[in-house]
Amino acid sequence: MIKQLNYFFMAGFLILLTACSSPQKKEAGFEVGEGEPQGEQILPDSRTSKTVLALLDHARQAVNSGRLHNAESQLERALRIEPRNAVLWHYMAKLRLHQDRISEAVGFAAKSNSLAGNNRHLQADNWRIIAHARHQQGDTTGAQQAQNKVNQLKQ
């Protein structure tokens, strides 16, 4: 029951992070920044410790109250506990993207991908972050290449 509640809170955290983004300019065929379809949120796996789940809950609460810096601190603590947790790196990448720390978002998404194993859904969402970041940097070619990776992973 507690684990299900933690998953529920993490889903809310991700939805809130997605909702925090500013409206994006949309180019033809460019899907980054539209958020994940309902039911496809990236959630921590069953190996995530209770301590990390609690930190994620605190991070969600911080985001809900507009304290992104506090959310960042909670995620950093979680990463010190589980540095090989690809989902935590993914959450940090999303947070950095919403903080307009674009280069860091790309680095964290790449780190998440390096740890993601065969999790194609996580990899695709990380490539979405990279595509969005490249688009914000004015690199439309790089953004399209990253979006092509998303499309490949979704097949």
N, C-alpha and C. Protein backbone atom coordinates (compact mmCIF):
# COMPACT_ATOMS: atom_id res chain seq x y z
N MET A 1 0.82 -1.20 0.00
CA MET A 1 0.00 0.00 0.00
C MET A 1 0.86 1.26 0.00
N ILE A 2 1.90 1.27 0.88
CA ILE A 2 2.78 2.43 0.96
C ILE A 2 3.52 2.62 -0.35
N LYS A 3 3.97 1.51 -0.94
CA LYS A 3 4.71 1.60 -2.21
C LYS A 3 3.79 2.15 -3.31
N GLN A 4 2.52 1.74 -3.32
CA GLN A 4 1.58 2.26 -4.31
C GLN A 4 1.36 3.75 -4.11
N LEU A 5 1.29 4.20 -2.87
CA LEU A 5 1.15 5.63 -2.60
C LEU A 5 2.38 6.40 -3.08
N ASN A 6 3.55 5.82 -2.85
CA ASN A 6 4.77 6.47 -3.32
C ASN A 6 4.77 6.58 -4.84
N TYR A 7 4.32 5.55 -5.53
CA TYR A 7 4.25 5.61 -6.98
C TYR A 7 3.25 6.68 -7.41
N PHE A 8 2.14 6.77 -6.70
CA PHE A 8 1.15 7.80 -6.99
C PHE A 8 1.76 9.19 -6.83
N PHE A 9 2.51 9.39 -5.74
CA PHE A 9 3.14 10.68 -5.52
C PHE A 9 4.18 10.99 -6.59
N MET A 10 4.93 9.99 -7.02
CA MET A 10 5.93 10.23 -8.06
C MET A 10 5.24 10.57 -9.38
N ALA A 11 4.15 9.90 -9.68
CA ALA A 11 3.42 10.23 -10.90
C ALA A 11 2.95 11.69 -10.85
N GLY A 12 2.47 12.11 -9.70
CA GLY A 12 2.06 13.51 -9.53
C GLY A 12 3.23 14.46 -9.68
N PHE A 13 4.39 14.06 -9.16
CA PHE A 13 5.60 14.88 -9.29
C PHE A 13 5.96 15.05 -10.76
N LEU A 14 5.92 13.96 -11.50
CA LEU A 14 6.26 14.05 -12.93
C LEU A 14 5.24 14.88 -13.69
N ILE A 15 3.99 14.70 -13.39
CA ILE A 15 2.95 15.48 -14.08
C ILE A 15 3.14 16.95 -13.76
N LEU A 16 3.45 17.25 -12.50
CA LEU A 16 3.66 18.64 -12.12
C LEU A 16 4.88 19.22 -12.82
N LEU A 17 5.97 18.46 -12.90
CA LEU A 17 7.15 18.95 -13.61
C LEU A 17 6.82 19.24 -15.07
N THR A 18 6.04 18.36 -15.68
CA THR A 18 5.65 18.58 -17.07
C THR A 18 4.78 19.83 -17.18
N ALA A 19 3.89 20.02 -16.23
CA ALA A 19 2.99 21.17 -16.27
C ALA A 19 3.70 22.48 -15.99
N CYS A 20 4.85 22.42 -15.32
CA CYS A 20 5.59 23.64 -14.98
C CYS A 20 6.26 24.28 -16.18
N SER A 21 6.38 23.56 -17.27
CA SER A 21 7.11 24.10 -18.41
C SER A 21 6.33 25.21 -19.07
N SER A 22 7.08 26.13 -19.65
CA SER A 22 6.44 27.22 -20.38
C SER A 22 5.95 26.68 -21.72
N PRO A 23 4.94 27.32 -22.33
CA PRO A 23 4.45 26.85 -23.61
C PRO A 23 5.58 26.84 -24.63
N GLN A 24 5.61 25.80 -25.43
CA GLN A 24 6.68 25.63 -26.39
C GLN A 24 6.20 26.00 -27.79
N LYS A 25 7.13 26.58 -28.56
CA LYS A 25 6.83 26.81 -29.96
C LYS A 25 6.86 25.45 -30.64
N LYS A 26 5.89 25.19 -31.45
CA LYS A 26 5.78 23.89 -32.06
C LYS A 26 6.09 23.99 -33.54
N GLU A 27 7.05 23.18 -33.97
CA GLU A 27 7.37 23.10 -35.38
C GLU A 27 6.64 21.89 -35.94
N ALA A 28 6.46 21.87 -37.24
CA ALA A 28 5.77 20.75 -37.88
C ALA A 28 6.47 19.45 -37.54
N GLY A 29 5.73 18.50 -36.98
CA GLY A 29 6.28 17.19 -36.67
C GLY A 29 7.17 17.16 -35.44
N PHE A 30 7.27 18.24 -34.70
CA PHE A 30 8.14 18.32 -33.54
C PHE A 30 7.30 18.11 -32.30
N GLU A 31 7.47 16.96 -31.60
CA GLU A 31 6.58 16.57 -30.52
C GLU A 31 7.11 16.85 -29.12
N VAL A 32 8.32 17.30 -28.99
CA VAL A 32 8.92 17.49 -27.66
C VAL A 32 8.20 18.58 -26.90
N GLY A 33 8.02 18.36 -25.59
CA GLY A 33 7.42 19.38 -24.74
C GLY A 33 5.92 19.24 -24.57
N GLU A 34 5.34 18.23 -25.18
CA GLU A 34 3.90 18.05 -25.05
C GLU A 34 3.54 17.14 -23.89
N GLY A 35 4.54 16.64 -23.18
CA GLY A 35 4.28 15.80 -22.03
C GLY A 35 4.00 14.37 -22.45
N GLU A 36 4.04 13.51 -21.47
CA GLU A 36 3.81 12.10 -21.72
C GLU A 36 2.31 11.82 -21.69
N PRO A 37 1.86 10.89 -22.53
CA PRO A 37 0.46 10.50 -22.44
C PRO A 37 0.17 9.91 -21.06
N GLN A 38 -1.05 10.09 -20.58
CA GLN A 38 -1.42 9.55 -19.28
C GLN A 38 -1.17 8.04 -19.27
N GLY A 39 -0.71 7.54 -18.14
CA GLY A 39 -0.45 6.13 -18.00
C GLY A 39 0.95 5.73 -18.44
N GLU A 40 1.74 6.65 -18.95
CA GLU A 40 3.08 6.33 -19.41
C GLU A 40 4.14 7.07 -18.62
N GLN A 41 3.86 7.49 -17.41
CA GLN A 41 4.85 8.19 -16.61
C GLN A 41 6.00 7.26 -16.29
N ILE A 42 7.17 7.86 -16.12
CA ILE A 42 8.34 7.12 -15.70
C ILE A 42 8.28 7.04 -14.18
N LEU A 43 8.19 5.83 -13.65
CA LEU A 43 8.09 5.63 -12.21
C LEU A 43 9.31 4.88 -11.70
N PRO A 44 9.67 5.07 -10.43
CA PRO A 44 10.77 4.31 -9.86
C PRO A 44 10.44 2.82 -9.89
N ASP A 45 11.47 1.99 -10.05
CA ASP A 45 11.19 0.56 -10.07
C ASP A 45 11.16 0.00 -8.65
N SER A 46 10.86 -1.27 -8.55
CA SER A 46 10.65 -1.91 -7.25
C SER A 46 11.94 -2.00 -6.43
N ARG A 47 13.10 -1.81 -7.04
CA ARG A 47 14.38 -1.86 -6.32
C ARG A 47 14.70 -0.54 -5.63
N THR A 48 13.94 0.51 -5.88
CA THR A 48 14.20 1.81 -5.27
C THR A 48 13.92 1.73 -3.77
N SER A 49 14.88 2.18 -2.98
CA SER A 49 14.77 2.06 -1.52
C SER A 49 13.67 2.96 -0.97
N LYS A 50 13.20 2.61 0.22
CA LYS A 50 12.18 3.42 0.88
C LYS A 50 12.70 4.82 1.19
N THR A 51 13.97 4.92 1.50
CA THR A 51 14.56 6.23 1.80
C THR A 51 14.50 7.12 0.56
N VAL A 52 14.86 6.56 -0.58
CA VAL A 52 14.83 7.34 -1.83
C VAL A 52 13.40 7.69 -2.19
N LEU A 53 12.47 6.76 -2.00
CA LEU A 53 11.07 7.06 -2.28
C LEU A 53 10.57 8.21 -1.40
N ALA A 54 11.02 8.24 -0.15
CA ALA A 54 10.64 9.32 0.76
C ALA A 54 11.23 10.66 0.27
N LEU A 55 12.48 10.62 -0.18
CA LEU A 55 13.10 11.84 -0.72
C LEU A 55 12.36 12.32 -1.96
N LEU A 56 11.92 11.39 -2.78
CA LEU A 56 11.16 11.76 -3.98
C LEU A 56 9.83 12.39 -3.59
N ASP A 57 9.22 11.89 -2.53
CA ASP A 57 7.97 12.49 -2.05
C ASP A 57 8.21 13.91 -1.56
N HIS A 58 9.32 14.13 -0.85
CA HIS A 58 9.67 15.48 -0.38
C HIS A 58 9.93 16.39 -1.59
N ALA A 59 10.59 15.86 -2.60
CA ALA A 59 10.86 16.65 -3.81
C ALA A 59 9.55 17.04 -4.48
N ARG A 60 8.62 16.11 -4.55
CA ARG A 60 7.30 16.41 -5.14
C ARG A 60 6.60 17.51 -4.37
N GLN A 61 6.64 17.42 -3.05
CA GLN A 61 6.01 18.44 -2.22
C GLN A 61 6.67 19.81 -2.44
N ALA A 62 7.99 19.81 -2.59
CA ALA A 62 8.70 21.06 -2.83
C ALA A 62 8.28 21.67 -4.17
N VAL A 63 8.15 20.83 -5.18
CA VAL A 63 7.72 21.32 -6.49
C VAL A 63 6.31 21.88 -6.39
N ASN A 64 5.44 21.17 -5.68
CA ASN A 64 4.05 21.63 -5.53
C ASN A 64 3.96 23.01 -4.90
N SER A 65 4.92 23.32 -4.04
CA SER A 65 4.88 24.63 -3.38
C SER A 65 5.83 25.63 -4.04
N GLY A 66 6.34 25.28 -5.22
CA GLY A 66 7.16 26.22 -5.99
C GLY A 66 8.60 26.34 -5.51
N ARG A 67 9.05 25.43 -4.67
CA ARG A 67 10.41 25.48 -4.15
C ARG A 67 11.30 24.52 -4.96
N LEU A 68 11.62 24.91 -6.19
CA LEU A 68 12.40 24.03 -7.06
C LEU A 68 13.79 23.77 -6.50
N HIS A 69 14.36 24.75 -5.81
CA HIS A 69 15.69 24.55 -5.23
C HIS A 69 15.66 23.44 -4.18
N ASN A 70 14.60 23.39 -3.37
CA ASN A 70 14.46 22.32 -2.38
C ASN A 70 14.26 20.98 -3.07
N ALA A 71 13.48 20.96 -4.14
CA ALA A 71 13.29 19.71 -4.89
C ALA A 71 14.63 19.22 -5.43
N GLU A 72 15.42 20.16 -5.91
CA GLU A 72 16.76 19.84 -6.42
C GLU A 72 17.60 19.19 -5.32
N SER A 73 17.57 19.75 -4.13
CA SER A 73 18.33 19.20 -3.00
C SER A 73 17.90 17.78 -2.66
N GLN A 74 16.59 17.55 -2.69
CA GLN A 74 16.07 16.21 -2.38
C GLN A 74 16.51 15.20 -3.44
N LEU A 75 16.45 15.61 -4.70
CA LEU A 75 16.88 14.70 -5.77
C LEU A 75 18.38 14.44 -5.70
N GLU A 76 19.16 15.45 -5.36
CA GLU A 76 20.61 15.25 -5.21
C GLU A 76 20.91 14.27 -4.09
N ARG A 77 20.19 14.37 -2.99
CA ARG A 77 20.37 13.41 -1.88
C ARG A 77 20.01 12.00 -2.33
N ALA A 78 18.92 11.88 -3.07
CA ALA A 78 18.51 10.56 -3.57
C ALA A 78 19.59 9.98 -4.49
N LEU A 79 20.18 10.84 -5.31
CA LEU A 79 21.24 10.38 -6.21
C LEU A 79 22.50 9.97 -5.46
N ARG A 80 22.79 10.59 -4.33
CA ARG A 80 23.94 10.17 -3.54
C ARG A 80 23.70 8.78 -2.95
N ILE A 81 22.44 8.46 -2.66
CA ILE A 81 22.10 7.14 -2.11
C ILE A 81 22.09 6.08 -3.20
N GLU A 82 21.51 6.41 -4.35
CA GLU A 82 21.39 5.45 -5.46
C GLU A 82 21.93 6.07 -6.74
N PRO A 83 23.25 6.20 -6.85
CA PRO A 83 23.84 6.87 -8.02
C PRO A 83 23.67 6.13 -9.34
N ARG A 84 23.28 4.87 -9.29
CA ARG A 84 23.10 4.10 -10.53
C ARG A 84 21.62 3.94 -10.89
N ASN A 85 20.77 4.75 -10.28
CA ASN A 85 19.33 4.69 -10.54
C ASN A 85 19.01 5.61 -11.72
N ALA A 86 18.75 5.02 -12.87
CA ALA A 86 18.51 5.78 -14.10
C ALA A 86 17.30 6.70 -13.98
N VAL A 87 16.29 6.28 -13.24
CA VAL A 87 15.08 7.09 -13.11
C VAL A 87 15.37 8.38 -12.34
N LEU A 88 16.23 8.32 -11.33
CA LEU A 88 16.58 9.53 -10.58
C LEU A 88 17.31 10.53 -11.48
N TRP A 89 18.21 10.05 -12.32
CA TRP A 89 18.91 10.94 -13.25
C TRP A 89 17.91 11.56 -14.22
N HIS A 90 16.91 10.77 -14.62
CA HIS A 90 15.86 11.27 -15.51
C HIS A 90 15.07 12.40 -14.84
N TYR A 91 14.69 12.19 -13.58
CA TYR A 91 13.96 13.24 -12.86
C TYR A 91 14.80 14.51 -12.74
N MET A 92 16.09 14.33 -12.47
CA MET A 92 16.96 15.49 -12.36
C MET A 92 17.06 16.21 -13.71
N ALA A 93 17.11 15.45 -14.79
CA ALA A 93 17.14 16.07 -16.13
C ALA A 93 15.88 16.88 -16.37
N LYS A 94 14.73 16.34 -15.99
CA LYS A 94 13.48 17.09 -16.16
C LYS A 94 13.47 18.36 -15.32
N LEU A 95 13.94 18.24 -14.09
CA LEU A 95 13.98 19.42 -13.23
C LEU A 95 14.90 20.48 -13.82
N ARG A 96 16.07 20.07 -14.28
CA ARG A 96 17.01 21.02 -14.88
C ARG A 96 16.40 21.69 -16.12
N LEU A 97 15.69 20.94 -16.91
CA LEU A 97 15.04 21.50 -18.09
C LEU A 97 14.05 22.58 -17.67
N HIS A 98 13.28 22.33 -16.64
CA HIS A 98 12.29 23.30 -16.17
C HIS A 98 12.93 24.48 -15.46
N GLN A 99 14.18 24.31 -15.03
CA GLN A 99 14.92 25.42 -14.44
C GLN A 99 15.69 26.20 -15.52
N ASP A 100 15.51 25.83 -16.77
CA ASP A 100 16.24 26.41 -17.90
C ASP A 100 17.75 26.24 -17.78
N ARG A 101 18.17 25.17 -17.17
CA ARG A 101 19.58 24.80 -17.11
C ARG A 101 19.78 23.71 -18.15
N ILE A 102 19.74 24.16 -19.40
CA ILE A 102 19.61 23.28 -20.56
C ILE A 102 20.78 22.31 -20.69
N SER A 103 21.99 22.79 -20.60
CA SER A 103 23.16 21.91 -20.77
C SER A 103 23.18 20.81 -19.73
N GLU A 104 22.84 21.16 -18.50
CA GLU A 104 22.79 20.16 -17.44
C GLU A 104 21.68 19.15 -17.71
N ALA A 105 20.55 19.61 -18.22
CA ALA A 105 19.45 18.70 -18.53
C ALA A 105 19.90 17.64 -19.54
N VAL A 106 20.62 18.08 -20.56
CA VAL A 106 21.12 17.15 -21.58
C VAL A 106 22.08 16.14 -20.95
N GLY A 107 22.98 16.63 -20.10
CA GLY A 107 23.94 15.73 -19.45
C GLY A 107 23.27 14.70 -18.56
N PHE A 108 22.28 15.14 -17.79
CA PHE A 108 21.58 14.21 -16.91
C PHE A 108 20.74 13.20 -17.70
N ALA A 109 20.13 13.64 -18.79
CA ALA A 109 19.36 12.71 -19.63
C ALA A 109 20.30 11.68 -20.26
N ALA A 110 21.47 12.11 -20.69
CA ALA A 110 22.45 11.18 -21.26
C ALA A 110 22.92 10.19 -20.20
N LYS A 111 23.16 10.68 -18.98
CA LYS A 111 23.56 9.79 -17.88
C LYS A 111 22.46 8.77 -17.60
N SER A 112 21.22 9.21 -17.58
CA SER A 112 20.10 8.30 -17.37
C SER A 112 20.07 7.23 -18.46
N ASN A 113 20.28 7.65 -19.71
CA ASN A 113 20.30 6.67 -20.81
C ASN A 113 21.42 5.66 -20.65
N SER A 114 22.56 6.11 -20.13
CA SER A 114 23.69 5.18 -19.96
C SER A 114 23.40 4.12 -18.90
N LEU A 115 22.46 4.41 -18.01
CA LEU A 115 22.10 3.48 -16.94
C LEU A 115 20.77 2.76 -17.19
N ALA A 116 20.08 3.11 -18.25
CA ALA A 116 18.70 2.65 -18.47
C ALA A 116 18.58 1.20 -18.92
N GLY A 117 19.67 0.59 -19.32
CA GLY A 117 19.59 -0.80 -19.77
C GLY A 117 18.67 -0.94 -20.96
N ASN A 118 17.70 -1.84 -20.85
CA ASN A 118 16.76 -2.09 -21.94
C ASN A 118 15.44 -1.34 -21.78
N ASN A 119 15.39 -0.36 -20.92
CA ASN A 119 14.15 0.39 -20.68
C ASN A 119 13.95 1.42 -21.80
N ARG A 120 13.32 0.98 -22.87
CA ARG A 120 13.14 1.83 -24.04
C ARG A 120 12.25 3.04 -23.76
N HIS A 121 11.28 2.88 -22.90
CA HIS A 121 10.38 3.99 -22.55
C HIS A 121 11.17 5.11 -21.86
N LEU A 122 12.02 4.73 -20.91
CA LEU A 122 12.86 5.71 -20.22
C LEU A 122 13.83 6.35 -21.21
N GLN A 123 14.46 5.54 -22.05
CA GLN A 123 15.38 6.08 -23.05
C GLN A 123 14.68 7.07 -23.97
N ALA A 124 13.49 6.72 -24.41
CA ALA A 124 12.74 7.60 -25.31
C ALA A 124 12.44 8.93 -24.63
N ASP A 125 12.04 8.88 -23.38
CA ASP A 125 11.72 10.14 -22.68
C ASP A 125 12.98 10.96 -22.45
N ASN A 126 14.11 10.31 -22.21
CA ASN A 126 15.37 11.04 -22.10
C ASN A 126 15.72 11.71 -23.43
N TRP A 127 15.51 11.00 -24.53
CA TRP A 127 15.78 11.61 -25.84
C TRP A 127 14.82 12.77 -26.11
N ARG A 128 13.59 12.68 -25.56
CA ARG A 128 12.65 13.80 -25.68
C ARG A 128 13.21 15.03 -24.97
N ILE A 129 13.78 14.82 -23.80
CA ILE A 129 14.39 15.93 -23.06
C ILE A 129 15.53 16.52 -23.87
N ILE A 130 16.36 15.66 -24.43
CA ILE A 130 17.50 16.13 -25.23
C ILE A 130 17.01 16.91 -26.45
N ALA A 131 15.99 16.40 -27.11
CA ALA A 131 15.44 17.09 -28.28
C ALA A 131 14.90 18.46 -27.89
N HIS A 132 14.19 18.51 -26.78
CA HIS A 132 13.63 19.77 -26.30
C HIS A 132 14.75 20.76 -26.00
N ALA A 133 15.78 20.29 -25.32
CA ALA A 133 16.91 21.15 -24.97
C ALA A 133 17.61 21.68 -26.22
N ARG A 134 17.85 20.80 -27.17
CA ARG A 134 18.51 21.23 -28.40
C ARG A 134 17.66 22.25 -29.15
N HIS A 135 16.36 22.04 -29.14
CA HIS A 135 15.46 22.99 -29.77
C HIS A 135 15.58 24.36 -29.09
N GLN A 136 15.60 24.35 -27.75
CA GLN A 136 15.73 25.62 -27.02
C GLN A 136 17.07 26.30 -27.29
N GLN A 137 18.08 25.51 -27.60
CA GLN A 137 19.39 26.08 -27.91
C GLN A 137 19.50 26.53 -29.36
N GLY A 138 18.43 26.34 -30.13
CA GLY A 138 18.43 26.75 -31.52
C GLY A 138 19.02 25.73 -32.47
N ASP A 139 19.29 24.54 -32.00
CA ASP A 139 19.87 23.46 -32.81
C ASP A 139 18.74 22.59 -33.35
N THR A 140 18.08 23.06 -34.41
CA THR A 140 16.93 22.33 -34.94
C THR A 140 17.34 20.99 -35.56
N THR A 141 18.53 20.94 -36.15
CA THR A 141 18.99 19.67 -36.73
C THR A 141 19.22 18.65 -35.62
N GLY A 142 19.91 19.07 -34.56
CA GLY A 142 20.14 18.19 -33.42
C GLY A 142 18.85 17.78 -32.75
N ALA A 143 17.92 18.72 -32.66
CA ALA A 143 16.62 18.41 -32.07
C ALA A 143 15.87 17.37 -32.89
N GLN A 144 15.92 17.50 -34.19
CA GLN A 144 15.24 16.53 -35.06
C GLN A 144 15.90 15.15 -34.97
N GLN A 145 17.24 15.13 -34.87
CA GLN A 145 17.95 13.86 -34.72
C GLN A 145 17.55 13.18 -33.41
N ALA A 146 17.46 13.96 -32.35
CA ALA A 146 17.04 13.40 -31.07
C ALA A 146 15.60 12.91 -31.14
N GLN A 147 14.74 13.67 -31.81
CA GLN A 147 13.34 13.24 -31.97
C GLN A 147 13.26 11.95 -32.78
N ASN A 148 14.14 11.80 -33.76
CA ASN A 148 14.18 10.56 -34.54
C ASN A 148 14.52 9.37 -33.63
N LYS A 149 15.42 9.59 -32.66
CA LYS A 149 15.75 8.54 -31.69
C LYS A 149 14.51 8.17 -30.86
N VAL A 150 13.74 9.19 -30.47
CA VAL A 150 12.49 8.93 -29.74
C VAL A 150 11.59 8.03 -30.57
N ASN A 151 11.42 8.40 -31.84
CA ASN A 151 10.54 7.62 -32.72
C ASN A 151 11.03 6.19 -32.90
N GLN A 152 12.35 5.99 -33.02
CA GLN A 152 12.91 4.64 -33.15
C GLN A 152 12.64 3.81 -31.91
N LEU A 153 12.80 4.42 -30.75
CA LEU A 153 12.61 3.71 -29.50
C LEU A 153 11.15 3.37 -29.23
N LYS A 154 10.24 4.15 -29.81
CA LYS A 154 8.81 3.91 -29.62
C LYS A 154 8.26 2.82 -30.54
N GLN A 155 9.07 2.35 -31.48
CA GLN A 155 8.60 1.32 -32.42
C GLN A 155 8.63 -0.04 -31.78
